[in-house]
PDB file of N, CA and C in Angstrom:
ATOM      1  N   UNK A   1    -104.629  11.863 -27.866  1.00  0.00           N
ATOM      2  CA  UNK A   1    -104.297  11.264 -26.608  1.00  0.00           C
ATOM      3  C   UNK A   1    -102.936  10.588 -26.680  1.00  0.00           C
ATOM      4  N   UNK A   2    -102.546  10.173 -27.845  1.00  0.00           N
ATOM      5  CA  UNK A   2    -101.259   9.533 -28.009  1.00  0.00           C
ATOM      6  C   UNK A   2    -100.106  10.513 -27.780  1.00  0.00           C
ATOM      7  N   UNK A   3    -100.320  11.820 -27.977  1.00  0.00           N
ATOM      8  CA  UNK A   3     -99.284  12.818 -27.772  1.00  0.00           C
ATOM      9  C   UNK A   3     -98.930  12.973 -26.284  1.00  0.00           C
ATOM     10  N   UNK A   4     -99.851  12.709 -25.389  1.00  0.00           N
ATOM     11  CA  UNK A   4     -99.625  12.872 -23.956  1.00  0.00           C
ATOM     12  C   UNK A   4     -98.762  11.749 -23.378  1.00  0.00           C
ATOM     13  N   UNK A   5     -98.672  10.641 -24.052  1.00  0.00           N
ATOM     14  CA  UNK A   5     -97.905   9.512 -23.554  1.00  0.00           C
ATOM     15  C   UNK A   5     -96.445   9.699 -23.970  1.00  0.00           C
ATOM     16  N   UNK A   6     -95.513   9.632 -22.958  1.00  0.00           N
ATOM     17  CA  UNK A   6     -94.095   9.775 -23.271  1.00  0.00           C
ATOM     18  C   UNK A   6     -93.563   8.473 -23.823  1.00  0.00           C
ATOM     19  N   UNK A   7     -92.659   8.608 -24.755  1.00  0.00           N
ATOM     20  CA  UNK A   7     -92.018   7.422 -25.289  1.00  0.00           C
ATOM     21  C   UNK A   7     -90.813   7.110 -24.409  1.00  0.00           C
ATOM     22  N   UNK A   8     -90.735   5.922 -23.875  1.00  0.00           N
ATOM     23  CA  UNK A   8     -89.634   5.518 -23.015  1.00  0.00           C
ATOM     24  C   UNK A   8     -88.628   4.757 -23.862  1.00  0.00           C
ATOM     25  N   UNK A   9     -87.397   5.314 -23.975  1.00  0.00           N
ATOM     26  CA  UNK A   9     -86.392   4.622 -24.780  1.00  0.00           C
ATOM     27  C   UNK A   9     -85.920   3.349 -24.062  1.00  0.00           C
ATOM     28  N   UNK A  10     -85.435   2.446 -24.814  1.00  0.00           N
ATOM     29  CA  UNK A  10     -84.945   1.196 -24.243  1.00  0.00           C
ATOM     30  C   UNK A  10     -83.500   1.376 -23.773  1.00  0.00           C
ATOM     31  N   UNK A  11     -83.121   0.666 -22.709  1.00  0.00           N
ATOM     32  CA  UNK A  11     -81.754   0.728 -22.200  1.00  0.00           C
ATOM     33  C   UNK A  11     -81.595   1.783 -21.120  1.00  0.00           C
ATOM     34  N   UNK A  12     -80.363   2.025 -20.737  1.00  0.00           N
ATOM     35  CA  UNK A  12     -80.056   2.986 -19.677  1.00  0.00           C
ATOM     36  C   UNK A  12     -80.091   4.410 -20.223  1.00  0.00           C
ATOM     37  N   UNK A  13     -80.616   5.312 -19.415  1.00  0.00           N
ATOM     38  CA  UNK A  13     -80.753   6.705 -19.823  1.00  0.00           C
ATOM     39  C   UNK A  13     -80.362   7.586 -18.629  1.00  0.00           C
ATOM     40  N   UNK A  14     -79.695   8.690 -18.889  1.00  0.00           N
ATOM     41  CA  UNK A  14     -79.366   9.651 -17.851  1.00  0.00           C
ATOM     42  C   UNK A  14     -80.638  10.349 -17.410  1.00  0.00           C
ATOM     43  N   UNK A  15     -80.868  10.455 -16.070  1.00  0.00           N
ATOM     44  CA  UNK A  15     -82.084  11.134 -15.619  1.00  0.00           C
ATOM     45  C   UNK A  15     -82.041  12.609 -15.980  1.00  0.00           C
ATOM     46  N   UNK A  16     -83.135  13.146 -16.408  1.00  0.00           N
ATOM     47  CA  UNK A  16     -83.198  14.535 -16.854  1.00  0.00           C
ATOM     48  C   UNK A  16     -84.098  15.372 -15.971  1.00  0.00           C
ATOM     49  N   UNK A  17     -84.590  14.816 -14.884  1.00  0.00           N
ATOM     50  CA  UNK A  17     -85.471  15.534 -13.981  1.00  0.00           C
ATOM     51  C   UNK A  17     -84.678  16.627 -13.271  1.00  0.00           C
ATOM     52  N   UNK A  18     -85.291  17.734 -12.930  1.00  0.00           N
ATOM     53  CA  UNK A  18     -84.618  18.871 -12.311  1.00  0.00           C
ATOM     54  C   UNK A  18     -83.961  18.531 -10.986  1.00  0.00           C
ATOM     55  N   UNK A  19     -84.549  17.614 -10.207  1.00  0.00           N
ATOM     56  CA  UNK A  19     -83.978  17.241  -8.918  1.00  0.00           C
ATOM     57  C   UNK A  19     -82.688  16.447  -9.084  1.00  0.00           C
ATOM     58  N   UNK A  20     -82.471  15.830 -10.226  1.00  0.00           N
ATOM     59  CA  UNK A  20     -81.301  14.987 -10.464  1.00  0.00           C
ATOM     60  C   UNK A  20     -80.110  15.765 -11.014  1.00  0.00           C
ATOM     61  N   UNK A  21     -80.329  16.992 -11.415  1.00  0.00           N
ATOM     62  CA  UNK A  21     -79.258  17.766 -12.034  1.00  0.00           C
ATOM     63  C   UNK A  21     -78.361  18.430 -10.989  1.00  0.00           C
ATOM     64  N   UNK A  22     -77.113  18.657 -11.358  1.00  0.00           N
ATOM     65  CA  UNK A  22     -76.180  19.383 -10.507  1.00  0.00           C
ATOM     66  C   UNK A  22     -76.519  20.862 -10.617  1.00  0.00           C
ATOM     67  N   UNK A  23     -76.703  21.556  -9.482  1.00  0.00           N
ATOM     68  CA  UNK A  23     -77.064  22.970  -9.575  1.00  0.00           C
ATOM     69  C   UNK A  23     -75.927  23.800 -10.159  1.00  0.00           C
ATOM     70  N   UNK A  24     -76.277  24.764 -10.985  1.00  0.00           N
ATOM     71  CA  UNK A  24     -75.285  25.640 -11.609  1.00  0.00           C
ATOM     72  C   UNK A  24     -74.912  26.736 -10.622  1.00  0.00           C
ATOM     73  N   UNK A  25     -73.604  27.019 -10.485  1.00  0.00           N
ATOM     74  CA  UNK A  25     -73.152  28.082  -9.598  1.00  0.00           C
ATOM     75  C   UNK A  25     -73.386  29.428 -10.261  1.00  0.00           C
ATOM     76  N   UNK A  26     -73.807  30.373  -9.461  1.00  0.00           N
ATOM     77  CA  UNK A  26     -74.070  31.694 -10.019  1.00  0.00           C
ATOM     78  C   UNK A  26     -72.818  32.567  -9.996  1.00  0.00           C
ATOM     79  N   UNK A  27     -71.951  32.407  -8.961  1.00  0.00           N
ATOM     80  CA  UNK A  27     -70.718  33.188  -8.885  1.00  0.00           C
ATOM     81  C   UNK A  27     -69.542  32.244  -8.649  1.00  0.00           C
ATOM     82  N   UNK A  28     -68.378  32.654  -9.083  1.00  0.00           N
ATOM     83  CA  UNK A  28     -67.177  31.853  -8.890  1.00  0.00           C
ATOM     84  C   UNK A  28     -66.656  32.074  -7.468  1.00  0.00           C
ATOM     85  N   UNK A  29     -66.047  31.052  -6.883  1.00  0.00           N
ATOM     86  CA  UNK A  29     -65.459  31.252  -5.557  1.00  0.00           C
ATOM     87  C   UNK A  29     -64.236  32.163  -5.659  1.00  0.00           C
ATOM     88  N   UNK A  30     -63.870  32.836  -4.557  1.00  0.00           N
ATOM     89  CA  UNK A  30     -62.708  33.737  -4.614  1.00  0.00           C
ATOM     90  C   UNK A  30     -61.418  32.941  -4.752  1.00  0.00           C
ATOM     91  N   UNK A  31     -60.374  33.560  -5.315  1.00  0.00           N
ATOM     92  CA  UNK A  31     -59.091  32.851  -5.449  1.00  0.00           C
ATOM     93  C   UNK A  31     -58.472  32.640  -4.076  1.00  0.00           C
ATOM     94  N   UNK A  32     -57.587  31.646  -3.952  1.00  0.00           N
ATOM     95  CA  UNK A  32     -56.946  31.425  -2.652  1.00  0.00           C
ATOM     96  C   UNK A  32     -56.052  32.604  -2.286  1.00  0.00           C
ATOM     97  N   UNK A  33     -55.986  32.881  -0.996  1.00  0.00           N
ATOM     98  CA  UNK A  33     -55.183  34.012  -0.540  1.00  0.00           C
ATOM     99  C   UNK A  33     -53.737  33.578  -0.353  1.00  0.00           C
ATOM    100  N   UNK A  34     -52.814  34.492  -0.647  1.00  0.00           N
ATOM    101  CA  UNK A  34     -51.394  34.222  -0.448  1.00  0.00           C
ATOM    102  C   UNK A  34     -51.095  34.271   1.041  1.00  0.00           C
ATOM    103  N   UNK A  35     -50.202  33.382   1.474  1.00  0.00           N
ATOM    104  CA  UNK A  35     -49.786  33.403   2.856  1.00  0.00           C
ATOM    105  C   UNK A  35     -48.809  34.563   3.050  1.00  0.00           C
ATOM    106  N   UNK A  36     -48.876  35.240   4.186  1.00  0.00           N
ATOM    107  CA  UNK A  36     -47.932  36.343   4.405  1.00  0.00           C
ATOM    108  C   UNK A  36     -46.511  35.816   4.551  1.00  0.00           C
ATOM    109  N   UNK A  37     -45.553  36.627   4.096  1.00  0.00           N
ATOM    110  CA  UNK A  37     -44.145  36.244   4.164  1.00  0.00           C
ATOM    111  C   UNK A  37     -43.663  36.487   5.594  1.00  0.00           C
ATOM    112  N   UNK A  38     -43.122  35.446   6.192  1.00  0.00           N
ATOM    113  CA  UNK A  38     -42.604  35.559   7.554  1.00  0.00           C
ATOM    114  C   UNK A  38     -41.087  35.520   7.465  1.00  0.00           C
ATOM    115  N   UNK A  39     -40.461  36.594   7.928  1.00  0.00           N
ATOM    116  CA  UNK A  39     -39.013  36.659   7.899  1.00  0.00           C
ATOM    117  C   UNK A  39     -38.470  35.990   9.152  1.00  0.00           C
ATOM    118  N   UNK A  40     -37.455  35.162   8.963  1.00  0.00           N
ATOM    119  CA  UNK A  40     -36.866  34.445  10.085  1.00  0.00           C
ATOM    120  C   UNK A  40     -36.102  35.425  10.974  1.00  0.00           C
ATOM    121  N   UNK A  41     -36.252  35.224  12.244  1.00  0.00           N
ATOM    122  CA  UNK A  41     -35.555  36.070  13.212  1.00  0.00           C
ATOM    123  C   UNK A  41     -34.119  35.571  13.332  1.00  0.00           C
ATOM    124  N   UNK A  42     -33.163  36.485  13.210  1.00  0.00           N
ATOM    125  CA  UNK A  42     -31.756  36.105  13.315  1.00  0.00           C
ATOM    126  C   UNK A  42     -31.454  35.727  14.756  1.00  0.00           C
ATOM    127  N   UNK A  43     -30.781  34.606  14.929  1.00  0.00           N
ATOM    128  CA  UNK A  43     -30.463  34.118  16.261  1.00  0.00           C
ATOM    129  C   UNK A  43     -29.026  34.450  16.622  1.00  0.00           C
ATOM    130  N   UNK A  44     -28.782  34.594  17.900  1.00  0.00           N
ATOM    131  CA  UNK A  44     -27.420  34.780  18.393  1.00  0.00           C
ATOM    132  C   UNK A  44     -26.694  33.441  18.312  1.00  0.00           C
ATOM    133  N   UNK A  45     -25.364  33.455  18.157  1.00  0.00           N
ATOM    134  CA  UNK A  45     -24.628  32.183  18.128  1.00  0.00           C
ATOM    135  C   UNK A  45     -24.771  31.474  19.476  1.00  0.00           C
ATOM    136  N   UNK A  46     -24.626  30.149  19.492  1.00  0.00           N
ATOM    137  CA  UNK A  46     -24.773  29.413  20.746  1.00  0.00           C
ATOM    138  C   UNK A  46     -23.727  29.834  21.778  1.00  0.00           C
ATOM    139  N   UNK A  47     -24.113  29.774  23.049  1.00  0.00           N
ATOM    140  CA  UNK A  47     -23.216  30.214  24.124  1.00  0.00           C
ATOM    141  C   UNK A  47     -21.967  29.344  24.212  1.00  0.00           C
ATOM    142  N   UNK A  48     -22.101  28.057  23.965  1.00  0.00           N
ATOM    143  CA  UNK A  48     -20.963  27.139  24.054  1.00  0.00           C
ATOM    144  C   UNK A  48     -20.167  27.087  22.751  1.00  0.00           C
ATOM    145  N   UNK A  49     -20.554  27.807  21.760  1.00  0.00           N
ATOM    146  CA  UNK A  49     -19.877  27.782  20.470  1.00  0.00           C
ATOM    147  C   UNK A  49     -20.419  26.655  19.596  1.00  0.00           C
ATOM    148  N   UNK A  50     -19.998  26.617  18.370  1.00  0.00           N
ATOM    149  CA  UNK A  50     -20.418  25.574  17.444  1.00  0.00           C
ATOM    150  C   UNK A  50     -19.583  24.322  17.669  1.00  0.00           C
ATOM    151  N   UNK A  51     -20.168  23.170  17.397  1.00  0.00           N
ATOM    152  CA  UNK A  51     -19.464  21.899  17.568  1.00  0.00           C
ATOM    153  C   UNK A  51     -18.395  21.772  16.502  1.00  0.00           C
ATOM    154  N   UNK A  52     -17.167  21.476  16.927  1.00  0.00           N
ATOM    155  CA  UNK A  52     -16.060  21.276  15.998  1.00  0.00           C
ATOM    156  C   UNK A  52     -15.344  19.993  16.402  1.00  0.00           C
ATOM    157  N   UNK A  53     -15.533  18.926  15.647  1.00  0.00           N
ATOM    158  CA  UNK A  53     -14.849  17.685  15.998  1.00  0.00           C
ATOM    159  C   UNK A  53     -13.336  17.857  15.831  1.00  0.00           C
ATOM    160  N   UNK A  54     -12.551  17.141  16.630  1.00  0.00           N
ATOM    161  CA  UNK A  54     -11.098  17.339  16.570  1.00  0.00           C
ATOM    162  C   UNK A  54     -10.476  16.904  15.251  1.00  0.00           C
ATOM    163  N   UNK A  55     -11.077  15.962  14.535  1.00  0.00           N
ATOM    164  CA  UNK A  55     -10.482  15.467  13.292  1.00  0.00           C
ATOM    165  C   UNK A  55     -11.203  15.997  12.049  1.00  0.00           C
ATOM    166  N   UNK A  56     -11.783  17.173  12.158  1.00  0.00           N
ATOM    167  CA  UNK A  56     -12.526  17.746  11.028  1.00  0.00           C
ATOM    168  C   UNK A  56     -11.619  17.992   9.829  1.00  0.00           C
ATOM    169  N   UNK A  57     -10.413  18.460  10.057  1.00  0.00           N
ATOM    170  CA  UNK A  57      -9.494  18.727   8.957  1.00  0.00           C
ATOM    171  C   UNK A  57      -9.071  17.442   8.255  1.00  0.00           C
ATOM    172  N   UNK A  58      -9.032  16.323   8.966  1.00  0.00           N
ATOM    173  CA  UNK A  58      -8.633  15.043   8.365  1.00  0.00           C
ATOM    174  C   UNK A  58      -9.651  14.582   7.325  1.00  0.00           C
ATOM    175  N   UNK A  59     -10.907  14.963   7.493  1.00  0.00           N
ATOM    176  CA  UNK A  59     -11.933  14.567   6.528  1.00  0.00           C
ATOM    177  C   UNK A  59     -11.718  15.235   5.174  1.00  0.00           C
ATOM    178  N   UNK A  60     -11.184  16.446   5.194  1.00  0.00           N
ATOM    179  CA  UNK A  60     -11.030  17.202   3.961  1.00  0.00           C
ATOM    180  C   UNK A  60      -9.611  17.195   3.415  1.00  0.00           C
ATOM    181  N   UNK A  61      -8.709  16.507   4.070  1.00  0.00           N
ATOM    182  CA  UNK A  61      -7.327  16.451   3.610  1.00  0.00           C
ATOM    183  C   UNK A  61      -7.251  15.595   2.344  1.00  0.00           C
ATOM    184  N   UNK A  62      -6.455  16.008   1.392  1.00  0.00           N
ATOM    185  CA  UNK A  62      -6.302  15.267   0.149  1.00  0.00           C
ATOM    186  C   UNK A  62      -5.234  14.198   0.310  1.00  0.00           C
ATOM    187  N   UNK A  63      -5.506  13.007  -0.194  1.00  0.00           N
ATOM    188  CA  UNK A  63      -4.511  11.936  -0.148  1.00  0.00           C
ATOM    189  C   UNK A  63      -3.460  12.232  -1.209  1.00  0.00           C
ATOM    190  N   UNK A  64      -2.194  11.867  -0.951  1.00  0.00           N
ATOM    191  CA  UNK A  64      -1.155  12.120  -1.951  1.00  0.00           C
ATOM    192  C   UNK A  64      -1.405  11.248  -3.185  1.00  0.00           C
ATOM    193  N   UNK A  65      -1.116  11.798  -4.354  1.00  0.00           N
ATOM    194  CA  UNK A  65      -1.325  11.068  -5.620  1.00  0.00           C
ATOM    195  C   UNK A  65      -0.217  10.048  -5.846  1.00  0.00           C
ATOM    196  N   UNK A  66      -0.601   8.936  -6.320  1.00  0.00           N
ATOM    197  CA  UNK A  66       0.385   7.913  -6.684  1.00  0.00           C
ATOM    198  C   UNK A  66       0.696   8.046  -8.159  1.00  0.00           C
ATOM    199  N   UNK A  67       1.938   7.880  -8.483  1.00  0.00           N
ATOM    200  CA  UNK A  67       2.317   7.944  -9.887  1.00  0.00           C
ATOM    201  C   UNK A  67       2.308   6.526 -10.445  1.00  0.00           C
ATOM    202  N   UNK A  68       1.845   6.389 -11.672  1.00  0.00           N
ATOM    203  CA  UNK A  68       1.761   5.077 -12.300  1.00  0.00           C
ATOM    204  C   UNK A  68       3.167   4.575 -12.642  1.00  0.00           C
ATOM    205  N   UNK A  69       3.328   3.281 -12.492  1.00  0.00           N
ATOM    206  CA  UNK A  69       4.607   2.678 -12.857  1.00  0.00           C
ATOM    207  C   UNK A  69       4.630   2.440 -14.358  1.00  0.00           C
ATOM    208  N   UNK A  70       5.722   2.791 -15.014  1.00  0.00           N
ATOM    209  CA  UNK A  70       5.787   2.627 -16.463  1.00  0.00           C
ATOM    210  C   UNK A  70       6.640   1.482 -16.879  1.00  0.00           C
TER     211      UNK A  70
END
């Protein structure tokens, strides 16, 4: 009769009952699908033309170099 009695360990124990277990997956999920490549549609240039500020060349102009005094 002593064999029928379960021994309960002291302290915290992980539950081992079937309802407490995480179910095992039988098949793997499919891999993610690649998104289709969408090619950008070429646009016509704007009717009014591109914006060109009047002082655009001044931004890129090089300042004259100063020579060091010896």
